[in-house]
Amino acid sequence: MRQLVFISLLFSHALWGQGLKSYQQSIPETRVNFDMVAIPSGNFIFGQTEKQSGEKIQVPAFWMGKTEVTYDEYQLFFEESRDPEPKPPKEGPDAVTRPSPPYIDFTLGMGKVGGFPANSMQQYAALMYCKWLYAKTGIFYRLPTEIEWEYASKAGTEIPADKLTDYAWFKGNSNEKYQQVGLKKPNAFGLHDMLGNVSEWVLDHYDEVYPRKDSPVFIDKYADAVVRGGNFQDEAIQVRPTARMAADPIWNRRDPQVPKSIWWNADAPFVGFRIMRPAKQPTKQEINTFFEKYL
């Protein structure tokens, strides 16, 4: 029963969000902003592949980041949280939860400011960014569930294999580098780079049972989280809406710290994230419960 209640919170069961409008969110006290796209409610087949039939799922409306979170956005969180005398916003992160510096340059020479995707962070860090963003804006943002992510990625239609290069960065066209967000065509919902470029963290922890209607799957805070969509290093066949992969310790094998960083993956420039916003803002208590569960 508690699981069902939690799912209701994540899906904002009190309001299905018909009539949502896309908008641009500014980050207070900065010149940085990002676009949130209104995703309409609807039905889709979750987890349908050549090997399995999938399940029909009804998904309420929500907002999704138009692009992956960029370095320009993420660096604000990193720098503010690393301030020697941190001045966090009300209810924000504190000195204890400050992110550690990455062991290596997580862009690996591929580009930082100017619209490149933030990358190499662990799921924990992506969720801490969401917590920081809530403190800055007063709006609850989080990682999407697997169901929400796949629904937004499919957007009611499949991209033909021979058109993939128009929509995604993958091994065949990326020159072995991630690229600035938004350069490829958007999908039918208006979202860029849902496939390829960098794989994206979702809220779920890895479970071989796929699909399952009770997403998100939560095992414990230290269980392997899931990334979706494929990335710039993958072959075209691996870049698809149903592509999913569990976090692997090898992504942080070169981190010499003991214990290894909970913030960064030193060897994962192919991992990033995008955010979503439920149609109805949860209560303050519900938001606190959410962050206590995952962080």
Protein backbone atom coordinates (compact mmCIF):
# COMPACT_ATOMS: atom_id res chain seq x y z
CA MET A 1 0.00 0.00 0.00
CA ARG A 2 2.81 2.44 0.82
CA GLN A 3 4.29 1.80 -2.62
CA LEU A 4 0.98 2.68 -4.27
CA VAL A 5 0.70 5.88 -2.26
CA PHE A 6 4.20 6.87 -3.29
CA ILE A 7 3.42 6.22 -6.95
CA SER A 8 0.34 8.42 -6.64
CA LEU A 9 2.54 11.22 -5.35
CA LEU A 10 4.98 10.89 -8.22
CA PHE A 11 2.22 10.89 -10.81
CA SER A 12 0.26 13.72 -9.17
CA HIS A 13 -2.97 11.74 -9.11
CA ALA A 14 -5.03 14.72 -7.95
CA LEU A 15 -4.55 16.54 -11.24
CA TRP A 16 -3.85 14.93 -14.58
CA GLY A 17 -2.65 18.23 -15.96
CA GLN A 18 -4.69 18.62 -19.13
CA GLY A 19 -4.05 22.05 -20.58
CA LEU A 20 -0.48 22.40 -19.31
CA LYS A 21 1.60 24.93 -21.20
CA SER A 22 5.30 24.85 -21.94
CA TYR A 23 7.34 27.53 -20.19
CA GLN A 24 10.84 28.84 -19.56
CA GLN A 25 12.24 28.59 -16.03
CA SER A 26 14.85 31.07 -14.88
CA ILE A 27 17.22 30.24 -12.04
CA PRO A 28 16.97 33.14 -9.54
CA GLU A 29 19.94 35.47 -9.18
CA THR A 30 21.51 34.15 -12.39
CA ARG A 31 21.18 34.71 -16.12
CA VAL A 32 20.59 31.02 -16.72
CA ASN A 33 17.25 29.58 -17.76
CA PHE A 34 15.91 26.38 -19.28
CA ASP A 35 12.78 25.26 -21.11
CA MET A 36 10.15 22.87 -19.79
CA VAL A 37 7.87 21.20 -22.33
CA ALA A 38 4.27 20.26 -21.53
CA ILE A 39 3.77 16.53 -22.15
CA PRO A 40 0.09 15.58 -22.65
CA SER A 41 -1.50 12.65 -20.88
CA GLY A 42 -2.05 9.49 -22.89
CA ASN A 43 -1.63 5.76 -23.26
CA PHE A 44 1.37 3.88 -24.60
CA ILE A 45 2.91 0.42 -24.62
CA PHE A 46 5.63 0.38 -21.98
CA GLY A 47 8.61 -1.88 -22.65
CA GLN A 48 7.57 -3.07 -26.09
CA THR A 49 10.53 -4.54 -27.97
CA GLU A 50 11.11 -7.16 -30.64
CA LYS A 51 11.36 -9.76 -27.86
CA GLN A 52 8.46 -8.74 -25.62
CA SER A 53 4.99 -7.30 -26.06
CA GLY A 54 5.08 -4.72 -23.25
CA GLU A 55 2.18 -3.40 -21.19
CA LYS A 56 -0.38 -0.71 -21.91
CA ILE A 57 0.11 2.15 -19.46
CA GLN A 58 -1.87 5.33 -18.88
CA VAL A 59 0.35 8.32 -18.12
CA PRO A 60 -0.85 11.66 -16.71
CA ALA A 61 0.42 14.92 -18.13
CA PHE A 62 3.64 16.46 -16.82
CA TRP A 63 6.46 18.76 -17.84
CA MET A 64 9.81 17.50 -19.12
CA GLY A 65 13.06 19.36 -19.70
CA LYS A 66 13.35 20.26 -23.38
CA THR A 67 16.98 19.17 -23.31
CA GLU A 68 19.36 17.40 -21.00
CA VAL A 69 20.52 19.52 -18.06
CA THR A 70 23.46 21.54 -19.32
CA TYR A 71 26.79 22.29 -17.76
CA ASP A 72 25.70 25.95 -17.53
CA GLU A 73 22.84 24.93 -15.20
CA TYR A 74 24.61 22.22 -13.24
CA GLN A 75 27.71 24.29 -12.60
CA LEU A 76 25.63 26.85 -10.69
CA PHE A 77 24.64 24.11 -8.25
CA PHE A 78 28.18 22.78 -8.01
CA GLU A 79 29.82 26.15 -7.40
CA GLU A 80 27.24 27.39 -4.90
CA SER A 81 27.29 24.16 -2.96
CA ARG A 82 31.10 24.18 -2.90
CA ASP A 83 31.33 27.72 -1.45
CA PRO A 84 33.72 27.59 1.56
CA GLU A 85 31.10 29.61 3.43
CA PRO A 86 27.99 28.30 1.74
CA LYS A 87 24.98 30.55 1.62
CA PRO A 88 22.35 28.03 0.57
CA PRO A 89 18.80 29.13 -0.14
CA LYS A 90 16.15 28.36 2.43
CA GLU A 91 15.79 24.59 2.87
CA GLY A 92 18.71 24.05 0.50
CA PRO A 93 21.76 21.83 0.72
CA ASP A 94 24.13 22.40 3.63
CA ALA A 95 27.87 22.22 4.11
CA VAL A 96 27.72 18.51 4.90
CA THR A 97 26.06 17.66 1.61
CA ARG A 98 28.39 19.70 -0.58
CA PRO A 99 29.54 17.92 -3.75
CA SER A 100 33.13 16.79 -3.86
CA PRO A 101 35.26 18.04 -6.77
CA PRO A 102 35.54 15.55 -9.64
CA TYR A 103 38.75 13.54 -9.72
CA ILE A 104 39.14 14.35 -13.41
CA ASP A 105 37.68 16.97 -15.72
CA PHE A 106 34.31 15.37 -16.34
CA THR A 107 34.02 17.01 -19.77
CA LEU A 108 37.20 15.28 -20.97
CA GLY A 109 37.92 18.18 -23.29
CA MET A 110 34.57 18.00 -25.04
CA GLY A 111 33.10 21.34 -24.06
CA LYS A 112 31.54 22.99 -21.04
CA VAL A 113 29.65 26.27 -21.19
CA GLY A 114 27.52 27.04 -24.18
CA GLY A 115 24.92 24.30 -24.02
CA PHE A 116 26.87 21.10 -23.53
CA PRO A 117 25.21 18.44 -21.36
CA ALA A 118 26.36 18.06 -17.78
CA ASN A 119 27.80 14.58 -17.40
CA SER A 120 29.72 12.09 -15.29
CA MET A 121 27.61 12.61 -12.18
CA GLN A 122 26.02 9.77 -10.22
CA GLN A 123 22.26 9.52 -9.73
CA TYR A 124 22.71 10.88 -6.20
CA ALA A 125 24.23 14.08 -7.56
CA ALA A 126 21.45 14.48 -10.12
CA LEU A 127 18.87 14.20 -7.34
CA MET A 128 20.80 16.67 -5.19
CA TYR A 129 20.66 19.09 -8.12
CA CYS A 130 16.87 18.67 -8.12
CA LYS A 131 16.78 19.41 -4.39
CA TRP A 132 18.91 22.51 -4.90
CA LEU A 133 16.69 23.65 -7.78
CA TYR A 134 13.60 23.26 -5.62
CA ALA A 135 15.23 25.41 -2.95
CA LYS A 136 16.13 28.05 -5.53
CA THR A 137 12.81 28.18 -7.39
CA GLY A 138 10.22 26.82 -4.97
CA ILE A 139 9.15 24.38 -7.68
CA PHE A 140 9.49 20.62 -7.28
CA TYR A 141 11.62 19.09 -10.02
CA ARG A 142 12.86 15.50 -10.02
CA LEU A 143 14.17 12.75 -12.25
CA PRO A 144 11.52 11.04 -14.40
CA THR A 145 10.49 7.46 -13.74
CA GLU A 146 11.21 4.84 -16.39
CA ILE A 147 7.57 5.00 -17.48
CA GLU A 148 7.59 8.79 -17.79
CA TRP A 149 10.92 8.81 -19.58
CA GLU A 150 9.93 6.14 -22.10
CA TYR A 151 6.54 7.74 -22.74
CA ALA A 152 8.19 11.11 -23.41
CA SER A 153 10.85 9.50 -25.58
CA LYS A 154 8.42 7.58 -27.78
CA ALA A 155 6.14 10.62 -28.10
CA GLY A 156 3.45 8.55 -29.76
CA THR A 157 5.63 7.48 -32.66
CA GLU A 158 8.85 5.64 -33.41
CA ILE A 159 11.73 7.33 -35.22
CA PRO A 160 12.61 5.23 -38.31
CA ALA A 161 16.08 3.68 -38.15
CA ASP A 162 17.09 5.42 -41.38
CA LYS A 163 16.19 8.80 -39.84
CA LEU A 164 18.05 8.33 -36.55
CA THR A 165 20.94 10.55 -37.57
CA ASP A 166 18.48 13.47 -37.83
CA TYR A 167 17.43 13.05 -34.19
CA ALA A 168 20.31 11.57 -32.21
CA TRP A 169 24.06 11.61 -31.62
CA PHE A 170 25.49 8.08 -31.59
CA LYS A 171 28.67 6.28 -32.58
CA GLY A 172 28.01 6.72 -36.28
CA ASN A 173 27.86 10.52 -36.25
CA SER A 174 29.16 11.85 -32.92
CA ASN A 175 32.91 11.78 -33.67
CA GLU A 176 33.20 10.07 -30.26
CA LYS A 177 32.08 13.21 -28.40
CA TYR A 178 28.89 14.41 -26.79
CA GLN A 179 27.50 17.48 -28.51
CA GLN A 180 25.68 20.67 -27.61
CA VAL A 181 22.08 20.00 -26.73
CA GLY A 182 19.29 20.89 -29.14
CA LEU A 183 21.22 20.59 -32.39
CA LYS A 184 19.21 17.60 -33.61
CA LYS A 185 15.51 17.58 -34.50
CA PRO A 186 13.06 17.32 -31.59
CA ASN A 187 10.72 14.38 -31.24
CA ALA A 188 6.94 14.72 -31.66
CA PHE A 189 6.61 16.17 -28.12
CA GLY A 190 9.26 18.81 -28.82
CA LEU A 191 12.06 17.19 -26.78
CA HIS A 192 15.64 17.18 -28.03
CA ASP A 193 18.26 14.45 -27.53
CA MET A 194 16.00 11.94 -25.81
CA LEU A 195 17.99 9.37 -27.75
CA GLY A 196 21.77 9.39 -27.81
CA ASN A 197 24.15 12.21 -26.79
CA VAL A 198 24.31 11.26 -23.09
CA SER A 199 22.33 8.49 -21.42
CA GLU A 200 19.93 9.86 -18.82
CA TRP A 201 19.38 8.94 -15.19
CA VAL A 202 15.85 8.01 -14.18
CA LEU A 203 14.38 7.55 -10.73
CA ASP A 204 14.20 3.76 -10.87
CA HIS A 205 16.73 1.29 -9.54
CA TYR A 206 17.54 -1.61 -11.79
CA ASP A 207 15.20 -4.58 -11.86
CA GLU A 208 15.35 -7.22 -14.56
CA VAL A 209 11.54 -7.40 -14.54
CA TYR A 210 10.70 -5.04 -17.38
CA PRO A 211 8.20 -3.68 -18.03
CA ARG A 212 6.43 -3.23 -14.72
CA LYS A 213 3.58 -0.87 -13.93
CA ASP A 214 4.76 -0.02 -10.43
CA SER A 215 7.59 2.24 -11.57
CA PRO A 216 9.59 3.66 -9.92
CA VAL A 217 11.41 0.65 -8.54
CA PHE A 218 13.19 1.54 -5.31
CA ILE A 219 15.46 -1.02 -3.67
CA ASP A 220 17.74 1.05 -1.45
CA LYS A 221 19.80 4.19 -1.77
CA TYR A 222 22.87 2.28 -2.86
CA ALA A 223 21.24 -0.02 -5.43
CA ASP A 224 22.13 0.29 -9.09
CA ALA A 225 20.15 3.10 -10.68
CA VAL A 226 19.05 3.09 -14.31
CA VAL A 227 20.06 5.19 -17.32
CA ARG A 228 17.99 5.33 -20.48
CA GLY A 229 18.22 6.12 -24.18
CA GLY A 230 21.73 5.19 -25.28
CA ASN A 231 24.56 7.67 -25.83
CA PHE A 232 27.15 9.04 -28.21
CA GLN A 233 29.36 5.96 -27.83
CA ASP A 234 26.63 3.46 -28.74
CA GLU A 235 25.83 1.80 -32.03
CA ALA A 236 22.58 2.90 -33.67
CA ILE A 237 20.81 -0.31 -32.64
CA GLN A 238 21.42 0.60 -28.98
CA VAL A 239 19.94 4.09 -29.30
CA ARG A 240 16.20 3.61 -28.85
CA PRO A 241 13.40 4.48 -26.40
CA THR A 242 13.56 1.08 -24.69
CA ALA A 243 17.34 1.14 -24.15
CA ARG A 244 18.10 0.80 -20.45
CA MET A 245 21.21 0.02 -18.46
CA ALA A 246 22.09 -0.38 -14.79
CA ALA A 247 24.81 1.74 -13.24
CA ASP A 248 28.15 -0.04 -13.26
CA PRO A 249 30.97 0.45 -10.68
CA ILE A 250 33.40 0.44 -13.59
CA TRP A 251 32.14 3.93 -14.44
CA ASN A 252 34.13 5.16 -11.44
CA ARG A 253 37.09 2.78 -11.49
CA ARG A 254 39.77 5.49 -11.72
CA ASP A 255 38.57 7.46 -8.70
CA PRO A 256 41.38 7.01 -6.13
CA GLN A 257 39.32 8.18 -3.16
CA VAL A 258 38.46 5.72 -0.40
CA PRO A 259 35.55 5.42 -0.28
CA LYS A 260 34.90 6.40 -3.87
CA SER A 261 32.92 9.54 -4.59
CA ILE A 262 29.14 9.40 -4.29
CA TRP A 263 28.93 12.45 -6.57
CA TRP A 264 30.94 11.62 -9.68
CA ASN A 265 31.62 8.82 -12.12
CA ALA A 266 35.17 9.50 -13.27
CA ASP A 267 34.82 7.32 -16.37
CA ALA A 268 31.27 8.09 -17.49
CA PRO A 269 31.21 11.15 -19.78
CA PHE A 270 28.30 9.37 -21.49
CA VAL A 271 25.92 9.75 -18.50
CA GLY A 272 23.81 12.83 -17.79
CA PHE A 273 20.19 13.58 -16.91
CA ARG A 274 17.10 15.66 -17.59
CA ILE A 275 14.42 16.77 -15.18
CA MET A 276 10.63 16.62 -15.05
CA ARG A 277 7.94 18.43 -13.08
CA PRO A 278 4.63 16.86 -11.99
CA ALA A 279 1.41 18.56 -13.08
CA LYS A 280 0.51 19.26 -9.46
CA GLN A 281 3.05 20.52 -6.96
CA PRO A 282 3.28 18.06 -4.04
CA THR A 283 2.99 19.41 -0.53
CA LYS A 284 6.07 20.48 1.40
CA GLN A 285 5.81 17.36 3.53
CA GLU A 286 5.53 15.12 0.47
CA ILE A 287 8.56 16.78 -1.11
CA ASN A 288 10.61 16.34 2.06
CA THR A 289 9.56 12.68 2.23
CA PHE A 290 10.63 12.20 -1.38
CA PHE A 291 14.12 13.60 -0.84
CA GLU A 292 14.53 11.70 2.44
CA LYS A 293 13.72 8.48 0.61
CA TYR A 294 16.24 8.93 -2.19
CA LEU A 295 19.03 10.95 -0.58
